[in-house]
């Protein structure tokens, strides 16, 4: 799911490349939202995998993303795209 999300959002795959982007990059937050909703990974894992800083910061960014209507629309579009990548028919 992480790899599909990175690809769909046009994010680089390497740790050092992700670290060059802002910790609160909207695409990272969007992918964090998907990962928290669809998997059991921890905020620590998300923070480490997406170079988003402290796990507490990830929690705050996810909460803010959940209340943002535009982010919600992008969330549903990304969720659909990732599902299509996982199950192409």
PDB file of N, CA and C in Angstrom:
ATOM      1  N   UNK A   1       0.825  -1.181   0.000  1.00  0.00           N
ATOM      2  CA  UNK A   1       0.000   0.000   0.000  1.00  0.00           C
ATOM      3  C   UNK A   1       0.880   1.259   0.000  1.00  0.00           C
ATOM      4  N   UNK A   2       1.959   1.217   0.749  1.00  0.00           N
ATOM      5  CA  UNK A   2       2.872   2.359   0.792  1.00  0.00           C
ATOM      6  C   UNK A   2       3.446   2.638  -0.590  1.00  0.00           C
ATOM      7  N   UNK A   3       3.958   1.609  -1.246  1.00  0.00           N
ATOM      8  CA  UNK A   3       4.560   1.796  -2.567  1.00  0.00           C
ATOM      9  C   UNK A   3       3.538   2.309  -3.576  1.00  0.00           C
ATOM     10  N   UNK A   4       2.335   1.766  -3.544  1.00  0.00           N
ATOM     11  CA  UNK A   4       1.284   2.208  -4.471  1.00  0.00           C
ATOM     12  C   UNK A   4       0.926   3.665  -4.213  1.00  0.00           C
ATOM     13  N   UNK A   5       0.833   4.044  -2.947  1.00  0.00           N
ATOM     14  CA  UNK A   5       0.524   5.426  -2.594  1.00  0.00           C
ATOM     15  C   UNK A   5       1.618   6.391  -3.015  1.00  0.00           C
ATOM     16  N   UNK A   6       2.868   6.005  -2.786  1.00  0.00           N
ATOM     17  CA  UNK A   6       3.993   6.843  -3.200  1.00  0.00           C
ATOM     18  C   UNK A   6       3.955   7.068  -4.703  1.00  0.00           C
ATOM     19  N   UNK A   7       3.714   5.988  -5.442  1.00  0.00           N
ATOM     20  CA  UNK A   7       3.673   6.075  -6.899  1.00  0.00           C
ATOM     21  C   UNK A   7       2.516   6.960  -7.359  1.00  0.00           C
ATOM     22  N   UNK A   8       1.346   6.728  -6.814  1.00  0.00           N
ATOM     23  CA  UNK A   8       0.154   7.474  -7.225  1.00  0.00           C
ATOM     24  C   UNK A   8       0.283   8.970  -6.930  1.00  0.00           C
ATOM     25  N   UNK A   9       0.939   9.312  -5.832  1.00  0.00           N
ATOM     26  CA  UNK A   9       1.081  10.719  -5.438  1.00  0.00           C
ATOM     27  C   UNK A   9       2.329  11.381  -6.022  1.00  0.00           C
ATOM     28  N   UNK A  10       3.140  10.606  -6.725  1.00  0.00           N
ATOM     29  CA  UNK A  10       4.353  11.164  -7.315  1.00  0.00           C
ATOM     30  C   UNK A  10       5.425  11.479  -6.295  1.00  0.00           C
ATOM     31  N   UNK A  11       5.422  10.751  -5.197  1.00  0.00           N
ATOM     32  CA  UNK A  11       6.427  10.956  -4.161  1.00  0.00           C
ATOM     33  C   UNK A  11       7.631  10.065  -4.424  1.00  0.00           C
ATOM     34  N   UNK A  12       8.832  10.529  -4.070  1.00  0.00           N
ATOM     35  CA  UNK A  12      10.020   9.694  -4.252  1.00  0.00           C
ATOM     36  C   UNK A  12       9.983   8.513  -3.298  1.00  0.00           C
ATOM     37  N   UNK A  13      10.616   7.427  -3.684  1.00  0.00           N
ATOM     38  CA  UNK A  13      10.574   6.216  -2.881  1.00  0.00           C
ATOM     39  C   UNK A  13      11.657   6.080  -1.834  1.00  0.00           C
ATOM     40  N   UNK A  14      12.728   6.800  -1.948  1.00  0.00           N
ATOM     41  CA  UNK A  14      13.834   6.643  -1.006  1.00  0.00           C
ATOM     42  C   UNK A  14      13.674   7.487   0.239  1.00  0.00           C
ATOM     43  N   UNK A  15      14.223   6.992   1.345  1.00  0.00           N
ATOM     44  CA  UNK A  15      14.140   7.710   2.615  1.00  0.00           C
ATOM     45  C   UNK A  15      14.748   9.107   2.532  1.00  0.00           C
ATOM     46  N   UNK A  16      15.911   9.207   1.897  1.00  0.00           N
ATOM     47  CA  UNK A  16      16.584  10.509   1.840  1.00  0.00           C
ATOM     48  C   UNK A  16      15.817  11.487   0.956  1.00  0.00           C
ATOM     49  N   UNK A  17      15.189  10.993  -0.105  1.00  0.00           N
ATOM     50  CA  UNK A  17      14.402  11.869  -0.977  1.00  0.00           C
ATOM     51  C   UNK A  17      13.142  12.350  -0.259  1.00  0.00           C
ATOM     52  N   UNK A  18      12.502  11.466   0.500  1.00  0.00           N
ATOM     53  CA  UNK A  18      11.325  11.876   1.266  1.00  0.00           C
ATOM     54  C   UNK A  18      11.697  12.879   2.348  1.00  0.00           C
ATOM     55  N   UNK A  19      12.879  12.716   2.933  1.00  0.00           N
ATOM     56  CA  UNK A  19      13.320  13.614   3.994  1.00  0.00           C
ATOM     57  C   UNK A  19      13.562  15.037   3.480  1.00  0.00           C
ATOM     58  N   UNK A  20      13.815  15.190   2.193  1.00  0.00           N
ATOM     59  CA  UNK A  20      14.038  16.520   1.617  1.00  0.00           C
ATOM     60  C   UNK A  20      12.737  17.314   1.484  1.00  0.00           C
ATOM     61  N   UNK A  21      11.610  16.608   1.479  1.00  0.00           N
ATOM     62  CA  UNK A  21      10.313  17.269   1.395  1.00  0.00           C
ATOM     63  C   UNK A  21       9.895  17.743   2.787  1.00  0.00           C
ATOM     64  N   UNK A  22       9.030  18.754   2.860  1.00  0.00           N
ATOM     65  CA  UNK A  22       8.542  19.181   4.180  1.00  0.00           C
ATOM     66  C   UNK A  22       7.863  18.022   4.911  1.00  0.00           C
ATOM     67  N   UNK A  23       8.033  17.995   6.231  1.00  0.00           N
ATOM     68  CA  UNK A  23       7.427  16.923   7.024  1.00  0.00           C
ATOM     69  C   UNK A  23       5.913  16.910   6.877  1.00  0.00           C
ATOM     70  N   UNK A  24       5.329  18.093   6.659  1.00  0.00           N
ATOM     71  CA  UNK A  24       3.872  18.198   6.550  1.00  0.00           C
ATOM     72  C   UNK A  24       3.404  18.290   5.100  1.00  0.00           C
ATOM     73  N   UNK A  25       4.221  17.834   4.162  1.00  0.00           N
ATOM     74  CA  UNK A  25       3.821  17.835   2.753  1.00  0.00           C
ATOM     75  C   UNK A  25       2.439  17.187   2.638  1.00  0.00           C
ATOM     76  N   UNK A  26       1.536  17.853   1.944  1.00  0.00           N
ATOM     77  CA  UNK A  26       0.150  17.382   1.860  1.00  0.00           C
ATOM     78  C   UNK A  26       0.051  15.948   1.347  1.00  0.00           C
ATOM     79  N   UNK A  27       0.916  15.586   0.431  1.00  0.00           N
ATOM     80  CA  UNK A  27       0.893  14.222  -0.102  1.00  0.00           C
ATOM     81  C   UNK A  27       1.278  13.210   0.961  1.00  0.00           C
ATOM     82  N   UNK A  28       2.245  13.567   1.812  1.00  0.00           N
ATOM     83  CA  UNK A  28       2.635  12.682   2.909  1.00  0.00           C
ATOM     84  C   UNK A  28       1.474  12.520   3.885  1.00  0.00           C
ATOM     85  N   UNK A  29       0.824  13.629   4.207  1.00  0.00           N
ATOM     86  CA  UNK A  29      -0.310  13.575   5.134  1.00  0.00           C
ATOM     87  C   UNK A  29      -1.431  12.721   4.549  1.00  0.00           C
ATOM     88  N   UNK A  30      -1.686  12.893   3.278  1.00  0.00           N
ATOM     89  CA  UNK A  30      -2.722  12.116   2.616  1.00  0.00           C
ATOM     90  C   UNK A  30      -2.406  10.614   2.672  1.00  0.00           C
ATOM     91  N   UNK A  31      -1.176  10.265   2.410  1.00  0.00           N
ATOM     92  CA  UNK A  31      -0.774   8.864   2.477  1.00  0.00           C
ATOM     93  C   UNK A  31      -0.831   8.354   3.915  1.00  0.00           C
ATOM     94  N   UNK A  32      -0.472   9.187   4.866  1.00  0.00           N
ATOM     95  CA  UNK A  32      -0.573   8.811   6.278  1.00  0.00           C
ATOM     96  C   UNK A  32      -2.027   8.530   6.648  1.00  0.00           C
ATOM     97  N   UNK A  33      -2.949   9.344   6.151  1.00  0.00           N
ATOM     98  CA  UNK A  33      -4.384   9.117   6.397  1.00  0.00           C
ATOM     99  C   UNK A  33      -4.815   7.743   5.878  1.00  0.00           C
ATOM    100  N   UNK A  34      -4.407   7.437   4.662  1.00  0.00           N
ATOM    101  CA  UNK A  34      -4.753   6.143   4.064  1.00  0.00           C
ATOM    102  C   UNK A  34      -4.170   5.003   4.889  1.00  0.00           C
ATOM    103  N   UNK A  35      -2.900   5.110   5.245  1.00  0.00           N
ATOM    104  CA  UNK A  35      -2.238   4.038   5.990  1.00  0.00           C
ATOM    105  C   UNK A  35      -2.894   3.806   7.347  1.00  0.00           C
ATOM    106  N   UNK A  36      -3.270   4.878   8.037  1.00  0.00           N
ATOM    107  CA  UNK A  36      -3.913   4.717   9.347  1.00  0.00           C
ATOM    108  C   UNK A  36      -5.294   4.103   9.212  1.00  0.00           C
ATOM    109  N   UNK A  37      -6.030   4.482   8.176  1.00  0.00           N
ATOM    110  CA  UNK A  37      -7.392   3.972   8.004  1.00  0.00           C
ATOM    111  C   UNK A  37      -7.407   2.523   7.514  1.00  0.00           C
ATOM    112  N   UNK A  38      -6.496   2.178   6.631  1.00  0.00           N
ATOM    113  CA  UNK A  38      -6.542   0.888   5.953  1.00  0.00           C
ATOM    114  C   UNK A  38      -5.605  -0.178   6.518  1.00  0.00           C
ATOM    115  N   UNK A  39      -4.715   0.202   7.425  1.00  0.00           N
ATOM    116  CA  UNK A  39      -3.753  -0.758   7.968  1.00  0.00           C
ATOM    117  C   UNK A  39      -3.687  -0.622   9.483  1.00  0.00           C
ATOM    118  N   UNK A  40      -2.826  -1.415  10.084  1.00  0.00           N
ATOM    119  CA  UNK A  40      -2.632  -1.331  11.533  1.00  0.00           C
ATOM    120  C   UNK A  40      -1.264  -0.746  11.889  1.00  0.00           C
ATOM    121  N   UNK A  41      -0.612  -0.095  10.929  1.00  0.00           N
ATOM    122  CA  UNK A  41       0.713   0.472  11.217  1.00  0.00           C
ATOM    123  C   UNK A  41       0.577   1.609  12.219  1.00  0.00           C
ATOM    124  N   UNK A  42       1.629   1.809  12.982  1.00  0.00           N
ATOM    125  CA  UNK A  42       1.625   2.834  14.028  1.00  0.00           C
ATOM    126  C   UNK A  42       2.043   4.194  13.473  1.00  0.00           C
ATOM    127  N   UNK A  43       1.772   5.227  14.257  1.00  0.00           N
ATOM    128  CA  UNK A  43       2.236   6.562  13.882  1.00  0.00           C
ATOM    129  C   UNK A  43       3.761   6.606  13.848  1.00  0.00           C
ATOM    130  N   UNK A  44       4.411   5.830  14.706  1.00  0.00           N
ATOM    131  CA  UNK A  44       5.869   5.749  14.684  1.00  0.00           C
ATOM    132  C   UNK A  44       6.350   5.226  13.330  1.00  0.00           C
ATOM    133  N   UNK A  45       5.721   4.156  12.837  1.00  0.00           N
ATOM    134  CA  UNK A  45       6.098   3.570  11.553  1.00  0.00           C
ATOM    135  C   UNK A  45       5.861   4.563  10.425  1.00  0.00           C
ATOM    136  N   UNK A  46       4.724   5.232  10.448  1.00  0.00           N
ATOM    137  CA  UNK A  46       4.407   6.221   9.417  1.00  0.00           C
ATOM    138  C   UNK A  46       5.425   7.356   9.449  1.00  0.00           C
ATOM    139  N   UNK A  47       5.706   7.877  10.645  1.00  0.00           N
ATOM    140  CA  UNK A  47       6.665   8.977  10.786  1.00  0.00           C
ATOM    141  C   UNK A  47       8.021   8.586  10.216  1.00  0.00           C
ATOM    142  N   UNK A  48       8.452   7.380  10.511  1.00  0.00           N
ATOM    143  CA  UNK A  48       9.743   6.890  10.037  1.00  0.00           C
ATOM    144  C   UNK A  48       9.727   6.637   8.530  1.00  0.00           C
ATOM    145  N   UNK A  49       8.693   5.989   8.040  1.00  0.00           N
ATOM    146  CA  UNK A  49       8.624   5.602   6.621  1.00  0.00           C
ATOM    147  C   UNK A  49       8.437   6.776   5.683  1.00  0.00           C
ATOM    148  N   UNK A  50       7.752   7.828   6.147  1.00  0.00           N
ATOM    149  CA  UNK A  50       7.480   8.986   5.299  1.00  0.00           C
ATOM    150  C   UNK A  50       8.287  10.224   5.681  1.00  0.00           C
ATOM    151  N   UNK A  51       9.225  10.066   6.613  1.00  0.00           N
ATOM    152  CA  UNK A  51      10.062  11.180   7.077  1.00  0.00           C
ATOM    153  C   UNK A  51       9.193  12.359   7.494  1.00  0.00           C
ATOM    154  N   UNK A  52       8.276  12.088   8.447  1.00  0.00           N
ATOM    155  CA  UNK A  52       7.332  13.108   8.895  1.00  0.00           C
ATOM    156  C   UNK A  52       7.632  13.625  10.298  1.00  0.00           C
ATOM    157  N   UNK A  53       8.793  13.288  10.842  1.00  0.00           N
ATOM    158  CA  UNK A  53       9.145  13.800  12.157  1.00  0.00           C
ATOM    159  C   UNK A  53       8.644  12.915  13.285  1.00  0.00           C
ATOM    160  N   UNK A  54       8.216  13.541  14.359  1.00  0.00           N
ATOM    161  CA  UNK A  54       7.786  12.844  15.570  1.00  0.00           C
ATOM    162  C   UNK A  54       6.415  12.192  15.375  1.00  0.00           C
ATOM    163  N   UNK A  55       6.202  11.005  15.930  1.00  0.00           N
ATOM    164  CA  UNK A  55       4.899  10.333  15.815  1.00  0.00           C
ATOM    165  C   UNK A  55       3.727  11.184  16.317  1.00  0.00           C
ATOM    166  N   UNK A  56       3.960  12.000  17.321  1.00  0.00           N
ATOM    167  CA  UNK A  56       2.906  12.898  17.809  1.00  0.00           C
ATOM    168  C   UNK A  56       2.510  13.922  16.758  1.00  0.00           C
ATOM    169  N   UNK A  57       3.484  14.360  15.989  1.00  0.00           N
ATOM    170  CA  UNK A  57       3.199  15.292  14.892  1.00  0.00           C
ATOM    171  C   UNK A  57       2.358  14.614  13.821  1.00  0.00           C
ATOM    172  N   UNK A  58       2.652  13.355  13.555  1.00  0.00           N
ATOM    173  CA  UNK A  58       1.864  12.590  12.578  1.00  0.00           C
ATOM    174  C   UNK A  58       0.418  12.528  13.041  1.00  0.00           C
ATOM    175  N   UNK A  59       0.223  12.258  14.322  1.00  0.00           N
ATOM    176  CA  UNK A  59      -1.125  12.186  14.869  1.00  0.00           C
ATOM    177  C   UNK A  59      -1.870  13.512  14.668  1.00  0.00           C
ATOM    178  N   UNK A  60      -1.206  14.627  14.932  1.00  0.00           N
ATOM    179  CA  UNK A  60      -1.838  15.943  14.755  1.00  0.00           C
ATOM    180  C   UNK A  60      -2.143  16.222  13.288  1.00  0.00           C
ATOM    181  N   UNK A  61      -1.210  15.848  12.386  1.00  0.00           N
ATOM    182  CA  UNK A  61      -1.440  16.074  10.958  1.00  0.00           C
ATOM    183  C   UNK A  61      -2.591  15.219  10.440  1.00  0.00           C
ATOM    184  N   UNK A  62      -2.697  13.997  10.927  1.00  0.00           N
ATOM    185  CA  UNK A  62      -3.796  13.124  10.521  1.00  0.00           C
ATOM    186  C   UNK A  62      -5.124  13.692  11.008  1.00  0.00           C
ATOM    187  N   UNK A  63      -5.160  14.153  12.239  1.00  0.00           N
ATOM    188  CA  UNK A  63      -6.391  14.748  12.774  1.00  0.00           C
ATOM    189  C   UNK A  63      -6.808  15.968  11.968  1.00  0.00           C
ATOM    190  N   UNK A  64      -5.865  16.808  11.635  1.00  0.00           N
ATOM    191  CA  UNK A  64      -6.169  17.998  10.831  1.00  0.00           C
ATOM    192  C   UNK A  64      -6.645  17.594   9.436  1.00  0.00           C
ATOM    193  N   UNK A  65      -6.024  16.579   8.862  1.00  0.00           N
ATOM    194  CA  UNK A  65      -6.415  16.109   7.534  1.00  0.00           C
ATOM    195  C   UNK A  65      -7.817  15.541   7.511  1.00  0.00           C
ATOM    196  N   UNK A  66      -8.205  14.878   8.583  1.00  0.00           N
ATOM    197  CA  UNK A  66      -9.550  14.297   8.657  1.00  0.00           C
ATOM    198  C   UNK A  66     -10.632  15.365   8.668  1.00  0.00           C
ATOM    199  N   UNK A  67     -10.319  16.532   9.188  1.00  0.00           N
ATOM    200  CA  UNK A  67     -11.333  17.583   9.286  1.00  0.00           C
ATOM    201  C   UNK A  67     -11.325  18.531   8.080  1.00  0.00           C
ATOM    202  N   UNK A  68     -10.413  18.323   7.148  1.00  0.00           N
ATOM    203  CA  UNK A  68     -10.297  19.167   5.959  1.00  0.00           C
ATOM    204  C   UNK A  68     -11.097  18.553   4.809  1.00  0.00           C
ATOM    205  N   UNK A  69     -12.117  19.258   4.318  1.00  0.00           N
ATOM    206  CA  UNK A  69     -12.996  18.717   3.274  1.00  0.00           C
ATOM    207  C   UNK A  69     -12.240  18.397   1.992  1.00  0.00           C
ATOM    208  N   UNK A  70     -11.337  19.288   1.586  1.00  0.00           N
ATOM    209  CA  UNK A  70     -10.565  19.053   0.361  1.00  0.00           C
ATOM    210  C   UNK A  70      -9.679  17.811   0.513  1.00  0.00           C
ATOM    211  N   UNK A  71      -9.108  17.658   1.689  1.00  0.00           N
ATOM    212  CA  UNK A  71      -8.269  16.486   1.953  1.00  0.00           C
ATOM    213  C   UNK A  71      -9.132  15.223   1.916  1.00  0.00           C
ATOM    214  N   UNK A  72     -10.344  15.318   2.402  1.00  0.00           N
ATOM    215  CA  UNK A  72     -11.259  14.171   2.382  1.00  0.00           C
ATOM    216  C   UNK A  72     -11.562  13.743   0.946  1.00  0.00           C
ATOM    217  N   UNK A  73     -11.766  14.694   0.073  1.00  0.00           N
ATOM    218  CA  UNK A  73     -12.019  14.381  -1.343  1.00  0.00           C
ATOM    219  C   UNK A  73     -10.805  13.715  -1.973  1.00  0.00           C
ATOM    220  N   UNK A  74      -9.619  14.244  -1.679  1.00  0.00           N
ATOM    221  CA  UNK A  74      -8.393  13.649  -2.210  1.00  0.00           C
ATOM    222  C   UNK A  74      -8.164  12.260  -1.627  1.00  0.00           C
ATOM    223  N   UNK A  75      -8.536  12.082  -0.343  1.00  0.00           N
ATOM    224  CA  UNK A  75      -8.411  10.789   0.309  1.00  0.00           C
ATOM    225  C   UNK A  75      -9.206   9.733  -0.459  1.00  0.00           C
ATOM    226  N   UNK A  76     -10.455  10.040  -0.772  1.00  0.00           N
ATOM    227  CA  UNK A  76     -11.304   9.070  -1.468  1.00  0.00           C
ATOM    228  C   UNK A  76     -10.770   8.761  -2.871  1.00  0.00           C
ATOM    229  N   UNK A  77     -10.261   9.775  -3.557  1.00  0.00           N
ATOM    230  CA  UNK A  77      -9.690   9.549  -4.890  1.00  0.00           C
ATOM    231  C   UNK A  77      -8.445   8.670  -4.800  1.00  0.00           C
ATOM    232  N   UNK A  78      -7.589   8.933  -3.822  1.00  0.00           N
ATOM    233  CA  UNK A  78      -6.371   8.134  -3.657  1.00  0.00           C
ATOM    234  C   UNK A  78      -6.720   6.706  -3.248  1.00  0.00           C
ATOM    235  N   UNK A  79      -7.666   6.556  -2.350  1.00  0.00           N
ATOM    236  CA  UNK A  79      -8.094   5.226  -1.920  1.00  0.00           C
ATOM    237  C   UNK A  79      -8.579   4.407  -3.112  1.00  0.00           C
ATOM    238  N   UNK A  80      -9.361   5.023  -3.968  1.00  0.00           N
ATOM    239  CA  UNK A  80      -9.865   4.338  -5.163  1.00  0.00           C
ATOM    240  C   UNK A  80      -8.713   3.962  -6.099  1.00  0.00           C
ATOM    241  N   UNK A  81      -7.785   4.882  -6.306  1.00  0.00           N
ATOM    242  CA  UNK A  81      -6.646   4.623  -7.187  1.00  0.00           C
ATOM    243  C   UNK A  81      -5.777   3.483  -6.663  1.00  0.00           C
ATOM    244  N   UNK A  82      -5.536   3.474  -5.358  1.00  0.00           N
ATOM    245  CA  UNK A  82      -4.718   2.419  -4.772  1.00  0.00           C
ATOM    246  C   UNK A  82      -5.434   1.072  -4.879  1.00  0.00           C
ATOM    247  N   UNK A  83      -6.731   1.070  -4.650  1.00  0.00           N
ATOM    248  CA  UNK A  83      -7.498  -0.174  -4.783  1.00  0.00           C
ATOM    249  C   UNK A  83      -7.463  -0.687  -6.209  1.00  0.00           C
ATOM    250  N   UNK A  84      -7.505   0.213  -7.176  1.00  0.00           N
ATOM    251  CA  UNK A  84      -7.436  -0.185  -8.592  1.00  0.00           C
ATOM    252  C   UNK A  84      -6.056  -0.757  -8.923  1.00  0.00           C
ATOM    253  N   UNK A  85      -5.013  -0.210  -8.332  1.00  0.00           N
ATOM    254  CA  UNK A  85      -3.659  -0.745  -8.562  1.00  0.00           C
ATOM    255  C   UNK A  85      -3.525  -2.137  -7.966  1.00  0.00           C
ATOM    256  N   UNK A  86      -4.155  -2.336  -6.820  1.00  0.00           N
ATOM    257  CA  UNK A  86      -4.054  -3.623  -6.127  1.00  0.00           C
ATOM    258  C   UNK A  86      -4.909  -4.689  -6.795  1.00  0.00           C
ATOM    259  N   UNK A  87      -5.994  -4.272  -7.444  1.00  0.00           N
ATOM    260  CA  UNK A  87      -6.933  -5.232  -8.031  1.00  0.00           C
ATOM    261  C   UNK A  87      -7.336  -4.779  -9.452  1.00  0.00           C
ATOM    262  N   UNK A  88      -6.388  -4.748 -10.405  1.00  0.00           N
ATOM    263  CA  UNK A  88      -6.742  -4.322 -11.763  1.00  0.00           C
ATOM    264  C   UNK A  88      -7.615  -5.386 -12.429  1.00  0.00           C
ATOM    265  N   UNK A  89      -8.739  -4.921 -12.971  1.00  0.00           N
ATOM    266  CA  UNK A  89      -9.647  -5.890 -13.604  1.00  0.00           C
ATOM    267  C   UNK A  89      -9.773  -5.665 -15.059  1.00  0.00           C
TER     268      UNK A  89
END
